[in-house]
Amino acid sequence: MNSLTATSRSADNREKVLILTPLARFYEEYWDNLLRLTYPRDLVELGFIVPHNSVGDQALKKLDAAVKKVQTGPKKNRFSKITILRQDTESLDSHTEKDRHALAAQKQRRSQMSLARNSLLFSTIGPDTAWVLWLDSDIVETPPTLIQDLAKHDRALIVPNCYQRYQDREKGASIRPYDYNSWQDSEVAQEMAKSMSDDEILVEGYAEMATYRTLMAALYEEKGDKHWEIELDGVGGTALLVKAEVHRDGAMFPPFPFYHLMETEGFAKMAKRLGYQAYGLPNYLVYHYNE
């Protein structure tokens, strides 16, 4: 299967893209943004995994309705295939943004997210899949040419910068960094890892665990070249484009500490161990829902 090619001219070369979304909640803005993507629909498959809880039940109903509306509409607007799975692993009871991002919850949360991502990936990737776009369900705004723009770089793994729109009391409409999982490693973090037991993890973005890594979130330049790219050692999964060969070669999302990393950051480490370098675009922004 790895004779398949994924190139910088993905749409022109009719390369198939699998968009995968772990979906705890259904945001209309996410779905509307997904429908605005300009990659040819006949080359796009969608995959969703929904948790087994009351919030997931509500999300599934809304997703079902949205899918039926598109897939029974004009043929040119239909996706090639859509798969919806229910998560067979335990889900966290709390889904508030504050609880999801508490440091104490990170190991359990990231383990569960890894299991969900792996289950979704292994259930949906096909022999003709060239690219996998991981797109979180709370990403509500991206350029319509997201897939083409990322594929243009012809990188094995590439991630844009994830920000959030909000209202500042003094400045009005503003933006701020959201995802801190895309980073370049530091000597401090490497030394911290050496002193950890095998089952401990390093987590980015917490004052209690200052790693002094170079965060892509901090490198954004408002008037900078949006296609400026940098090498990364960790990646976030809010909008992550991966050549399918990377997954086929065995890179997945570790639900266990892998060199003290888990989920998307662990995935970048695993991919690098297999010979694939991750890249990021500091000036190319996608936006997360503001709860």
Protein backbone atom coordinates (compact mmCIF):
# COMPACT_ATOMS: atom_id res chain seq x y z
CA MET A 1 0.00 0.00 0.00
CA ASN A 2 2.91 2.37 0.49
CA SER A 3 3.40 2.61 -3.27
CA LEU A 4 0.67 5.26 -3.00
CA THR A 5 2.00 8.79 -3.35
CA ALA A 6 0.92 11.94 -1.55
CA THR A 7 2.20 15.03 -3.35
CA SER A 8 2.18 18.82 -3.19
CA ARG A 9 -0.47 18.85 -5.95
CA SER A 10 -2.94 16.68 -4.10
CA ALA A 11 -6.17 17.84 -5.76
CA ASP A 12 -4.69 17.96 -9.27
CA ASN A 13 -3.38 14.42 -8.84
CA ARG A 14 -6.73 13.16 -7.50
CA GLU A 15 -5.28 12.10 -4.14
CA LYS A 16 -7.84 10.86 -1.63
CA VAL A 17 -8.12 12.55 1.76
CA LEU A 18 -9.57 11.04 4.92
CA ILE A 19 -10.79 13.67 7.41
CA LEU A 20 -10.99 12.23 10.93
CA THR A 21 -12.72 13.89 13.88
CA PRO A 22 -13.13 12.68 17.47
CA LEU A 23 -16.49 14.30 18.17
CA ALA A 24 -17.56 14.83 21.79
CA ARG A 25 -19.85 17.75 20.92
CA PHE A 26 -21.38 18.86 17.66
CA TYR A 27 -20.70 22.48 16.75
CA GLU A 28 -22.66 23.87 13.81
CA GLU A 29 -19.71 26.15 13.08
CA TYR A 30 -17.43 23.13 12.72
CA TRP A 31 -19.80 21.50 10.24
CA ASP A 32 -20.33 24.71 8.26
CA ASN A 33 -16.58 25.21 8.04
CA LEU A 34 -16.11 21.60 6.92
CA LEU A 35 -18.60 22.16 4.11
CA ARG A 36 -16.71 25.26 3.00
CA LEU A 37 -13.50 23.29 2.34
CA THR A 38 -12.83 23.39 -1.41
CA TYR A 39 -11.09 20.01 -1.79
CA PRO A 40 -13.13 17.93 -4.29
CA ARG A 41 -15.88 16.13 -2.34
CA ASP A 42 -15.57 12.93 -4.38
CA LEU A 43 -12.00 12.61 -3.07
CA VAL A 44 -12.93 13.16 0.59
CA GLU A 45 -14.00 10.56 3.14
CA LEU A 46 -15.10 11.52 6.65
CA GLY A 47 -14.73 9.55 9.85
CA PHE A 48 -16.13 10.36 13.30
CA ILE A 49 -15.92 8.70 16.69
CA VAL A 50 -18.48 9.72 19.32
CA PRO A 51 -18.25 8.91 23.05
CA HIS A 52 -20.80 6.74 24.85
CA ASN A 53 -22.37 9.31 27.18
CA SER A 54 -25.28 11.72 27.22
CA VAL A 55 -23.31 14.51 25.56
CA GLY A 56 -22.19 12.07 22.87
CA ASP A 57 -25.79 10.97 22.31
CA GLN A 58 -26.81 14.56 21.63
CA ALA A 59 -23.83 15.09 19.34
CA LEU A 60 -24.65 11.92 17.40
CA LYS A 61 -28.23 13.06 16.72
CA LYS A 62 -27.04 16.38 15.35
CA LEU A 63 -24.26 14.74 13.32
CA ASP A 64 -26.70 12.20 11.87
CA ALA A 65 -29.05 14.95 10.74
CA ALA A 66 -26.23 16.99 9.19
CA VAL A 67 -24.82 13.96 7.36
CA LYS A 68 -28.19 12.89 5.97
CA LYS A 69 -28.86 16.39 4.65
CA VAL A 70 -25.58 16.43 2.70
CA GLN A 71 -25.54 12.81 1.55
CA THR A 72 -29.11 12.90 0.23
CA GLY A 73 -28.58 16.26 -1.46
CA PRO A 74 -27.04 17.04 -4.85
CA LYS A 75 -24.50 14.40 -5.84
CA LYS A 76 -21.74 16.96 -6.40
CA ASN A 77 -21.99 17.98 -2.74
CA ARG A 78 -21.78 14.46 -1.29
CA PHE A 79 -18.68 13.08 0.38
CA SER A 80 -17.21 9.87 -1.00
CA LYS A 81 -17.88 8.00 2.25
CA ILE A 82 -18.80 8.80 5.86
CA THR A 83 -18.14 6.49 8.82
CA ILE A 84 -19.51 7.11 12.31
CA LEU A 85 -18.25 5.02 15.24
CA ARG A 86 -19.16 4.95 18.93
CA GLN A 87 -16.24 4.98 21.32
CA ASP A 88 -15.99 1.66 23.16
CA THR A 89 -13.60 2.99 25.80
CA GLU A 90 -14.43 4.97 28.92
CA SER A 91 -15.01 8.71 28.48
CA LEU A 92 -14.33 11.48 30.96
CA ASP A 93 -17.52 12.56 32.72
CA SER A 94 -16.69 16.27 32.58
CA HIS A 95 -16.46 18.04 29.24
CA THR A 96 -16.03 21.65 30.36
CA GLU A 97 -12.99 23.36 28.91
CA LYS A 98 -11.58 24.01 32.39
CA ASP A 99 -11.81 20.36 33.46
CA ARG A 100 -10.52 19.02 30.14
CA HIS A 101 -7.36 21.07 30.43
CA ALA A 102 -6.60 20.64 34.14
CA LEU A 103 -3.08 19.28 34.58
CA ALA A 104 -4.25 16.45 36.83
CA ALA A 105 -6.58 15.17 34.10
CA GLN A 106 -4.04 15.12 31.30
CA LYS A 107 -2.70 11.58 31.53
CA GLN A 108 -6.14 9.95 31.66
CA ARG A 109 -7.60 12.35 29.09
CA ARG A 110 -4.76 11.86 26.63
CA SER A 111 -4.85 8.11 27.01
CA GLN A 112 -8.56 8.06 26.21
CA MET A 113 -8.12 10.44 23.29
CA SER A 114 -5.31 8.26 21.92
CA LEU A 115 -7.46 5.13 22.08
CA ALA A 116 -10.30 6.94 20.32
CA ARG A 117 -8.02 8.33 17.60
CA ASN A 118 -6.38 4.95 16.98
CA SER A 119 -9.72 3.16 16.80
CA LEU A 120 -11.03 5.73 14.35
CA LEU A 121 -7.89 5.60 12.21
CA PHE A 122 -7.60 1.83 11.98
CA SER A 123 -11.33 1.49 11.19
CA THR A 124 -11.37 4.00 8.34
CA ILE A 125 -8.02 4.23 6.55
CA GLY A 126 -8.30 2.58 3.15
CA PRO A 127 -5.86 1.20 0.56
CA ASP A 128 -6.30 4.34 -1.56
CA THR A 129 -6.03 6.91 1.24
CA ALA A 130 -3.19 9.34 0.44
CA TRP A 131 -3.65 11.90 3.23
CA VAL A 132 -5.23 11.94 6.68
CA LEU A 133 -6.46 15.27 8.05
CA TRP A 134 -7.09 15.22 11.79
CA LEU A 135 -9.61 17.98 12.43
CA ASP A 136 -10.98 18.53 15.92
CA SER A 137 -14.72 19.07 16.34
CA ASP A 138 -14.18 22.46 17.97
CA ILE A 139 -12.22 23.93 15.06
CA VAL A 140 -14.76 26.36 13.69
CA GLU A 141 -12.79 28.45 11.22
CA THR A 142 -10.09 27.58 8.69
CA PRO A 143 -9.21 28.83 5.21
CA PRO A 144 -11.42 26.98 2.66
CA THR A 145 -8.22 25.79 0.96
CA LEU A 146 -6.87 24.23 4.18
CA ILE A 147 -6.12 20.81 2.68
CA GLN A 148 -4.49 22.13 -0.49
CA ASP A 149 -2.49 24.72 1.48
CA LEU A 150 -1.06 22.15 3.89
CA ALA A 151 -0.46 19.49 1.23
CA LYS A 152 1.38 22.08 -0.88
CA HIS A 153 4.30 21.79 1.56
CA ASP A 154 4.65 18.07 0.76
CA ARG A 155 5.57 17.21 4.36
CA ALA A 156 4.91 13.92 6.13
CA LEU A 157 3.31 15.76 9.07
CA ILE A 158 2.32 19.41 9.06
CA VAL A 159 0.24 21.47 11.44
CA PRO A 160 -1.04 25.07 11.35
CA ASN A 161 -1.17 27.37 14.37
CA CYS A 162 -4.38 27.09 16.37
CA TYR A 163 -5.70 30.35 17.82
CA GLN A 164 -8.99 31.52 19.32
CA ARG A 165 -11.09 34.62 18.65
CA TYR A 166 -12.36 36.51 21.70
CA GLN A 167 -13.57 39.91 22.82
CA ASP A 168 -10.97 41.95 24.69
CA ARG A 169 -12.43 44.54 27.08
CA GLU A 170 -10.09 47.24 25.80
CA LYS A 171 -9.17 46.20 22.25
CA GLY A 172 -12.46 44.61 21.18
CA ALA A 173 -12.21 41.69 18.73
CA SER A 174 -8.86 39.96 19.30
CA ILE A 175 -7.13 36.64 18.88
CA ARG A 176 -5.02 34.59 21.28
CA PRO A 177 -3.05 31.32 21.15
CA TYR A 178 -4.99 28.17 21.96
CA ASP A 179 -2.99 25.02 21.20
CA TYR A 180 0.40 24.72 22.92
CA ASN A 181 1.15 21.15 21.81
CA SER A 182 3.20 22.18 18.75
CA TRP A 183 6.74 22.86 19.92
CA GLN A 184 10.47 22.53 19.47
CA ASP A 185 12.15 20.68 22.32
CA SER A 186 14.45 22.27 24.88
CA GLU A 187 17.40 21.08 26.95
CA VAL A 188 15.36 21.82 30.09
CA ALA A 189 12.56 19.49 28.96
CA GLN A 190 15.04 16.78 28.03
CA GLU A 191 16.68 16.99 31.46
CA MET A 192 13.25 16.87 33.14
CA ALA A 193 12.42 13.72 31.19
CA LYS A 194 15.62 12.04 32.33
CA SER A 195 14.58 12.42 35.98
CA MET A 196 11.07 11.02 35.44
CA SER A 197 9.89 7.49 36.00
CA ASP A 198 8.78 5.57 32.92
CA ASP A 199 5.07 6.19 33.55
CA GLU A 200 5.32 9.98 33.95
CA ILE A 201 4.58 12.45 31.14
CA LEU A 202 5.68 15.94 30.20
CA VAL A 203 2.77 18.26 29.46
CA GLU A 204 3.08 21.61 27.73
CA GLY A 205 1.43 24.88 28.68
CA TYR A 206 1.40 24.54 32.49
CA ALA A 207 3.26 26.80 34.93
CA GLU A 208 3.75 23.84 37.27
CA MET A 209 5.80 22.13 34.56
CA ALA A 210 7.91 24.80 32.88
CA THR A 211 9.73 23.13 29.99
CA TYR A 212 11.03 26.25 28.22
CA ARG A 213 10.31 24.66 24.86
CA THR A 214 9.88 26.94 21.86
CA LEU A 215 6.11 27.06 21.35
CA MET A 216 4.83 27.57 17.82
CA ALA A 217 1.87 29.44 19.36
CA ALA A 218 4.30 32.21 20.38
CA LEU A 219 5.91 32.57 16.95
CA TYR A 220 2.91 33.99 15.09
CA GLU A 221 3.59 37.19 13.14
CA GLU A 222 0.49 39.02 11.97
CA LYS A 223 2.08 40.19 8.70
CA GLY A 224 4.40 37.24 8.26
CA ASP A 225 4.47 34.75 5.40
CA LYS A 226 1.70 32.26 6.15
CA HIS A 227 3.68 29.48 4.47
CA TRP A 228 6.79 29.97 6.60
CA GLU A 229 7.53 26.54 8.04
CA ILE A 230 9.55 25.31 10.98
CA GLU A 231 10.60 21.89 12.21
CA LEU A 232 8.70 20.60 15.25
CA ASP A 233 9.28 17.91 17.87
CA GLY A 234 5.69 17.90 19.16
CA VAL A 235 2.45 18.56 17.29
CA GLY A 236 -1.11 19.36 18.25
CA GLY A 237 -4.01 17.57 16.64
CA THR A 238 -6.50 20.38 16.14
CA ALA A 239 -5.76 20.44 12.40
CA LEU A 240 -2.98 18.02 11.52
CA LEU A 241 -2.31 16.79 7.98
CA VAL A 242 -0.46 13.48 7.75
CA LYS A 243 0.68 11.47 4.76
CA ALA A 244 -1.11 8.14 5.08
CA GLU A 245 2.18 6.28 4.70
CA VAL A 246 3.22 7.59 8.12
CA HIS A 247 0.29 5.81 9.77
CA ARG A 248 0.78 2.73 7.60
CA ASP A 249 4.38 2.52 8.76
CA GLY A 250 3.13 2.19 12.33
CA ALA A 251 2.98 5.71 13.74
CA MET A 252 -0.09 5.99 15.95
CA PHE A 253 -1.17 7.93 19.03
CA PRO A 254 0.39 6.30 22.09
CA PRO A 255 -2.16 5.85 24.91
CA PHE A 256 0.80 5.23 27.21
CA PRO A 257 3.89 7.34 28.01
CA PHE A 258 6.18 7.13 24.96
CA TYR A 259 9.43 8.86 25.82
CA HIS A 260 7.27 10.72 28.38
CA LEU A 261 4.84 11.92 25.70
CA MET A 262 1.29 10.86 24.83
CA GLU A 263 -1.36 11.37 22.14
CA THR A 264 -0.43 13.88 19.39
CA GLU A 265 2.91 14.83 20.97
CA GLY A 266 3.73 11.15 21.33
CA PHE A 267 2.64 10.61 17.73
CA ALA A 268 5.20 13.18 16.52
CA LYS A 269 7.89 11.42 18.56
CA MET A 270 6.89 8.02 17.18
CA ALA A 271 6.84 9.34 13.62
CA LYS A 272 10.31 10.82 14.09
CA ARG A 273 11.62 7.48 15.37
CA LEU A 274 10.35 6.04 12.08
CA GLY A 275 12.16 8.71 10.06
CA TYR A 276 9.41 11.29 9.53
CA GLN A 277 10.00 14.92 10.50
CA ALA A 278 7.07 17.07 11.66
CA TYR A 279 6.63 20.66 10.50
CA GLY A 280 4.52 23.60 11.56
CA LEU A 281 3.24 26.82 10.01
CA PRO A 282 3.38 29.57 12.68
CA ASN A 283 1.58 32.18 10.55
CA TYR A 284 -1.15 29.96 9.11
CA LEU A 285 -4.06 30.17 11.54
CA VAL A 286 -7.08 28.00 12.27
CA TYR A 287 -9.50 28.95 15.03
CA HIS A 288 -10.89 27.05 17.99
CA TYR A 289 -14.38 27.55 19.37
CA ASN A 290 -14.49 30.01 22.26
CA GLU A 291 -16.58 28.46 25.06
